[in-house]
Amino acid sequence: MSSRKVLAIQARKRRPKREKHPKKRSTSCCFKGRRLLTAFLHEISKEVIDQEDDSDVVS
């Protein structure tokens, strides 16, 4: 019985580690993607604003 309990405890300890790691990786990937997207969007918005200002000046 004691050996079975030990094995069960070891199995419990192993399972959450396997589940947690991919989740952590996915969140970090998502965060990286969000950072890149936000930076990209900021750059685009700046360019668009600059273009609008130029068009206003021309007209």
PDB file of N, CA and C in Angstrom:
ATOM      1  N   MET A   1       0.834  -1.216   0.000  1.00  0.00           N
ATOM      2  CA  MET A   1       0.000   0.000   0.000  1.00  0.00           C
ATOM      3  C   MET A   1       0.861   1.256   0.000  1.00  0.00           C
ATOM      4  N   SER A   2       1.891   1.274   0.833  1.00  0.00           N
ATOM      5  CA  SER A   2       2.721   2.478   0.952  1.00  0.00           C
ATOM      6  C   SER A   2       3.389   2.793  -0.390  1.00  0.00           C
ATOM      7  N   SER A   3       3.877   1.770  -1.087  1.00  0.00           N
ATOM      8  CA  SER A   3       4.535   2.002  -2.374  1.00  0.00           C
ATOM      9  C   SER A   3       3.527   2.579  -3.378  1.00  0.00           C
ATOM     10  N   ARG A   4       2.280   2.088  -3.352  1.00  0.00           N
ATOM     11  CA  ARG A   4       1.241   2.605  -4.243  1.00  0.00           C
ATOM     12  C   ARG A   4       0.974   4.077  -3.937  1.00  0.00           C
ATOM     13  N   LYS A   5       0.909   4.416  -2.657  1.00  0.00           N
ATOM     14  CA  LYS A   5       0.678   5.808  -2.255  1.00  0.00           C
ATOM     15  C   LYS A   5       1.804   6.699  -2.762  1.00  0.00           C
ATOM     16  N   VAL A   6       3.024   6.225  -2.597  1.00  0.00           N
ATOM     17  CA  VAL A   6       4.189   6.992  -3.055  1.00  0.00           C
ATOM     18  C   VAL A   6       4.096   7.224  -4.559  1.00  0.00           C
ATOM     19  N   LEU A   7       3.759   6.169  -5.295  1.00  0.00           N
ATOM     20  CA  LEU A   7       3.634   6.285  -6.757  1.00  0.00           C
ATOM     21  C   LEU A   7       2.523   7.284  -7.116  1.00  0.00           C
ATOM     22  N   ALA A   8       1.420   7.216  -6.378  1.00  0.00           N
ATOM     23  CA  ALA A   8       0.295   8.122  -6.639  1.00  0.00           C
ATOM     24  C   ALA A   8       0.718   9.565  -6.396  1.00  0.00           C
ATOM     25  N   ILE A   9       1.450   9.783  -5.304  1.00  0.00           N
ATOM     26  CA  ILE A   9       1.923  11.137  -4.982  1.00  0.00           C
ATOM     27  C   ILE A   9       2.868  11.627  -6.069  1.00  0.00           C
ATOM     28  N   GLN A  10       3.782  10.760  -6.508  1.00  0.00           N
ATOM     29  CA  GLN A  10       4.727  11.130  -7.571  1.00  0.00           C
ATOM     30  C   GLN A  10       3.971  11.473  -8.854  1.00  0.00           C
ATOM     31  N   ALA A  11       2.957  10.662  -9.169  1.00  0.00           N
ATOM     32  CA  ALA A  11       2.159  10.898 -10.383  1.00  0.00           C
ATOM     33  C   ALA A  11       1.461  12.252 -10.279  1.00  0.00           C
ATOM     34  N   ARG A  12       0.916  12.567  -9.102  1.00  0.00           N
ATOM     35  CA  ARG A  12       0.250  13.861  -8.891  1.00  0.00           C
ATOM     36  C   ARG A  12       1.226  15.005  -9.094  1.00  0.00           C
ATOM     37  N   LYS A  13       2.434  14.831  -8.551  1.00  0.00           N
ATOM     38  CA  LYS A  13       3.450  15.888  -8.679  1.00  0.00           C
ATOM     39  C   LYS A  13       3.834  16.090 -10.136  1.00  0.00           C
ATOM     40  N   ARG A  14       3.918  14.991 -10.896  1.00  0.00           N
ATOM     41  CA  ARG A  14       4.347  15.077 -12.301  1.00  0.00           C
ATOM     42  C   ARG A  14       3.285  15.742 -13.176  1.00  0.00           C
ATOM     43  N   ARG A  15       2.010  15.395 -12.954  1.00  0.00           N
ATOM     44  CA  ARG A  15       0.936  15.850 -13.857  1.00  0.00           C
ATOM     45  C   ARG A  15       0.842  17.376 -13.982  1.00  0.00           C
ATOM     46  N   PRO A  16       0.757  18.144 -12.901  1.00  0.00           N
ATOM     47  CA  PRO A  16       0.607  19.597 -13.043  1.00  0.00           C
ATOM     48  C   PRO A  16       1.766  20.251 -13.784  1.00  0.00           C
ATOM     49  N   LYS A  17       2.980  19.734 -13.607  1.00  0.00           N
ATOM     50  CA  LYS A  17       4.139  20.302 -14.305  1.00  0.00           C
ATOM     51  C   LYS A  17       3.936  20.202 -15.811  1.00  0.00           C
ATOM     52  N   ARG A  18       3.491  19.037 -16.277  1.00  0.00           N
ATOM     53  CA  ARG A  18       3.265  18.844 -17.717  1.00  0.00           C
ATOM     54  C   ARG A  18       2.197  19.809 -18.217  1.00  0.00           C
ATOM     55  N   GLU A  19       1.142  20.014 -17.421  1.00  0.00           N
ATOM     56  CA  GLU A  19       0.038  20.884 -17.838  1.00  0.00           C
ATOM     57  C   GLU A  19       0.466  22.351 -17.816  1.00  0.00           C
ATOM     58  N   LYS A  20       1.236  22.745 -16.821  1.00  0.00           N
ATOM     59  CA  LYS A  20       1.566  24.163 -16.639  1.00  0.00           C
ATOM     60  C   LYS A  20       2.501  24.695 -17.726  1.00  0.00           C
ATOM     61  N   HIS A  21       3.528  23.920 -18.101  1.00  0.00           N
ATOM     62  CA  HIS A  21       4.572  24.458 -18.988  1.00  0.00           C
ATOM     63  C   HIS A  21       4.032  24.960 -20.327  1.00  0.00           C
ATOM     64  N   PRO A  22       3.230  24.161 -21.060  1.00  0.00           N
ATOM     65  CA  PRO A  22       2.720  24.679 -22.339  1.00  0.00           C
ATOM     66  C   PRO A  22       1.867  25.933 -22.167  1.00  0.00           C
ATOM     67  N   LYS A  23       1.097  25.999 -21.079  1.00  0.00           N
ATOM     68  CA  LYS A  23       0.278  27.189 -20.822  1.00  0.00           C
ATOM     69  C   LYS A  23       1.174  28.405 -20.652  1.00  0.00           C
ATOM     70  N   LYS A  24       2.229  28.252 -19.853  1.00  0.00           N
ATOM     71  CA  LYS A  24       3.160  29.363 -19.628  1.00  0.00           C
ATOM     72  C   LYS A  24       3.756  29.819 -20.957  1.00  0.00           C
ATOM     73  N   ARG A  25       4.178  28.857 -21.771  1.00  0.00           N
ATOM     74  CA  ARG A  25       4.788  29.189 -23.065  1.00  0.00           C
ATOM     75  C   ARG A  25       3.799  29.958 -23.937  1.00  0.00           C
ATOM     76  N   SER A  26       2.547  29.477 -23.960  1.00  0.00           N
ATOM     77  CA  SER A  26       1.548  30.110 -24.825  1.00  0.00           C
ATOM     78  C   SER A  26       1.302  31.546 -24.364  1.00  0.00           C
ATOM     79  N   THR A  27       1.226  31.769 -23.046  1.00  0.00           N
ATOM     80  CA  THR A  27       0.966  33.126 -22.557  1.00  0.00           C
ATOM     81  C   THR A  27       2.128  34.037 -22.928  1.00  0.00           C
ATOM     82  N   SER A  28       3.365  33.538 -22.749  1.00  0.00           N
ATOM     83  CA  SER A  28       4.524  34.374 -23.079  1.00  0.00           C
ATOM     84  C   SER A  28       4.513  34.684 -24.576  1.00  0.00           C
ATOM     85  N   CYS A  29       4.172  33.682 -25.397  1.00  0.00           N
ATOM     86  CA  CYS A  29       4.091  33.913 -26.848  1.00  0.00           C
ATOM     87  C   CYS A  29       3.025  34.962 -27.142  1.00  0.00           C
ATOM     88  N   CYS A  30       1.889  34.836 -26.478  1.00  0.00           N
ATOM     89  CA  CYS A  30       0.800  35.797 -26.686  1.00  0.00           C
ATOM     90  C   CYS A  30       1.269  37.201 -26.313  1.00  0.00           C
ATOM     91  N   PHE A  31       1.955  37.309 -25.162  1.00  0.00           N
ATOM     92  CA  PHE A  31       2.424  38.623 -24.721  1.00  0.00           C
ATOM     93  C   PHE A  31       3.400  39.209 -25.733  1.00  0.00           C
ATOM     94  N   LYS A  32       4.315  38.375 -26.224  1.00  0.00           N
ATOM     95  CA  LYS A  32       5.275  38.839 -27.235  1.00  0.00           C
ATOM     96  C   LYS A  32       4.527  39.328 -28.461  1.00  0.00           C
ATOM     97  N   GLY A  33       3.537  38.540 -28.904  1.00  0.00           N
ATOM     98  CA  GLY A  33       2.739  38.900 -30.070  1.00  0.00           C
ATOM     99  C   GLY A  33       2.026  40.220 -29.850  1.00  0.00           C
ATOM    100  N   ARG A  34       1.442  40.385 -28.647  1.00  0.00           N
ATOM    101  CA  ARG A  34       0.730  41.628 -28.328  1.00  0.00           C
ATOM    102  C   ARG A  34       1.677  42.808 -28.371  1.00  0.00           C
ATOM    103  N   ARG A  35       2.864  42.642 -27.775  1.00  0.00           N
ATOM    104  CA  ARG A  35       3.849  43.739 -27.771  1.00  0.00           C
ATOM    105  C   ARG A  35       4.201  44.130 -29.198  1.00  0.00           C
ATOM    106  N   LEU A  36       4.478  43.118 -30.038  1.00  0.00           N
ATOM    107  CA  LEU A  36       4.830  43.389 -31.436  1.00  0.00           C
ATOM    108  C   LEU A  36       3.671  44.076 -32.149  1.00  0.00           C
ATOM    109  N   LEU A  37       2.464  43.564 -31.918  1.00  0.00           N
ATOM    110  CA  LEU A  37       1.288  44.137 -32.575  1.00  0.00           C
ATOM    111  C   LEU A  37       1.086  45.588 -32.157  1.00  0.00           C
ATOM    112  N   THR A  38       1.161  45.840 -30.851  1.00  0.00           N
ATOM    113  CA  THR A  38       0.940  47.206 -30.365  1.00  0.00           C
ATOM    114  C   THR A  38       1.999  48.145 -30.940  1.00  0.00           C
ATOM    115  N   ALA A  39       3.259  47.711 -30.950  1.00  0.00           N
ATOM    116  CA  ALA A  39       4.333  48.545 -31.503  1.00  0.00           C
ATOM    117  C   ALA A  39       4.071  48.804 -32.988  1.00  0.00           C
ATOM    118  N   PHE A  40       3.676  47.758 -33.697  1.00  0.00           N
ATOM    119  CA  PHE A  40       3.394  47.869 -35.133  1.00  0.00           C
ATOM    120  C   PHE A  40       2.237  48.842 -35.374  1.00  0.00           C
ATOM    121  N   LEU A  41       1.182  48.696 -34.567  1.00  0.00           N
ATOM    122  CA  LEU A  41       0.007  49.571 -34.711  1.00  0.00           C
ATOM    123  C   LEU A  41       0.383  51.017 -34.406  1.00  0.00           C
ATOM    124  N   HIS A  42       1.204  51.225 -33.379  1.00  0.00           N
ATOM    125  CA  HIS A  42       1.641  52.587 -33.040  1.00  0.00           C
ATOM    126  C   HIS A  42       2.387  53.215 -34.213  1.00  0.00           C
ATOM    127  N   GLU A  43       3.291  52.429 -34.814  1.00  0.00           N
ATOM    128  CA  GLU A  43       4.060  52.941 -35.952  1.00  0.00           C
ATOM    129  C   GLU A  43       3.127  53.310 -37.104  1.00  0.00           C
ATOM    130  N   ILE A  44       2.168  52.420 -37.393  1.00  0.00           N
ATOM    131  CA  ILE A  44       1.220  52.666 -38.497  1.00  0.00           C
ATOM    132  C   ILE A  44       0.411  53.931 -38.199  1.00  0.00           C
ATOM    133  N   SER A  45      -0.098  54.037 -36.969  1.00  0.00           N
ATOM    134  CA  SER A  45      -0.924  55.194 -36.618  1.00  0.00           C
ATOM    135  C   SER A  45      -0.114  56.484 -36.756  1.00  0.00           C
ATOM    136  N   LYS A  46       1.156  56.463 -36.351  1.00  0.00           N
ATOM    137  CA  LYS A  46       2.023  57.644 -36.491  1.00  0.00           C
ATOM    138  C   LYS A  46       2.158  58.021 -37.970  1.00  0.00           C
ATOM    139  N   GLU A  47       2.419  56.993 -38.806  1.00  0.00           N
ATOM    140  CA  GLU A  47       2.571  57.236 -40.247  1.00  0.00           C
ATOM    141  C   GLU A  47       1.289  57.830 -40.824  1.00  0.00           C
ATOM    142  N   VAL A  48       0.154  57.275 -40.445  1.00  0.00           N
ATOM    143  CA  VAL A  48      -1.139  57.742 -40.959  1.00  0.00           C
ATOM    144  C   VAL A  48      -1.359  59.188 -40.533  1.00  0.00           C
ATOM    145  N   ILE A  49      -1.062  59.513 -39.264  1.00  0.00           N
ATOM    146  CA  ILE A  49      -1.231  60.881 -38.762  1.00  0.00           C
ATOM    147  C   ILE A  49      -0.325  61.830 -39.557  1.00  0.00           C
ATOM    148  N   ASP A  50       0.914  61.405 -39.791  1.00  0.00           N
ATOM    149  CA  ASP A  50       1.855  62.233 -40.558  1.00  0.00           C
ATOM    150  C   ASP A  50       1.296  62.483 -41.959  1.00  0.00           C
ATOM    151  N   GLN A  51       0.778  61.436 -42.592  1.00  0.00           N
ATOM    152  CA  GLN A  51       0.221  61.570 -43.943  1.00  0.00           C
ATOM    153  C   GLN A  51      -0.958  62.542 -43.927  1.00  0.00           C
ATOM    154  N   GLU A  52      -1.823  62.433 -42.926  1.00  0.00           N
ATOM    155  CA  GLU A  52      -2.988  63.319 -42.823  1.00  0.00           C
ATOM    156  C   GLU A  52      -2.530  64.762 -42.665  1.00  0.00           C
ATOM    157  N   ASP A  53      -1.523  64.981 -41.818  1.00  0.00           N
ATOM    158  CA  ASP A  53      -0.997  66.336 -41.606  1.00  0.00           C
ATOM    159  C   ASP A  53      -0.456  66.896 -42.920  1.00  0.00           C
ATOM    160  N   ASP A  54       0.276  66.078 -43.652  1.00  0.00           N
ATOM    161  CA  ASP A  54       0.843  66.520 -44.936  1.00  0.00           C
ATOM    162  C   ASP A  54      -0.279  66.915 -45.901  1.00  0.00           C
ATOM    163  N   SER A  55      -1.303  66.075 -45.964  1.00  0.00           N
ATOM    164  CA  SER A  55      -2.403  66.349 -46.903  1.00  0.00           C
ATOM    165  C   SER A  55      -3.098  67.658 -46.511  1.00  0.00           C
ATOM    166  N   ASP A  56      -3.255  67.902 -45.212  1.00  0.00           N
ATOM    167  CA  ASP A  56      -3.887  69.142 -44.746  1.00  0.00           C
ATOM    168  C   ASP A  56      -3.049  70.343 -45.181  1.00  0.00           C
ATOM    169  N   VAL A  57      -1.738  70.219 -45.017  1.00  0.00           N
ATOM    170  CA  VAL A  57      -0.838  71.325 -45.368  1.00  0.00           C
ATOM    171  C   VAL A  57      -0.917  71.598 -46.873  1.00  0.00           C
ATOM    172  N   VAL A  58      -0.937  70.535 -47.676  1.00  0.00           N
ATOM    173  CA  VAL A  58      -0.977  70.678 -49.138  1.00  0.00           C
ATOM    174  C   VAL A  58      -2.276  71.357 -49.554  1.00  0.00           C
ATOM    175  N   SER A  59      -3.389  70.922 -48.985  1.00  0.00           N
ATOM    176  CA  SER A  59      -4.692  71.477 -49.372  1.00  0.00           C
ATOM    177  C   SER A  59      -4.836  72.867 -48.754  1.00  0.00           C
TER     178      SER A  59
END
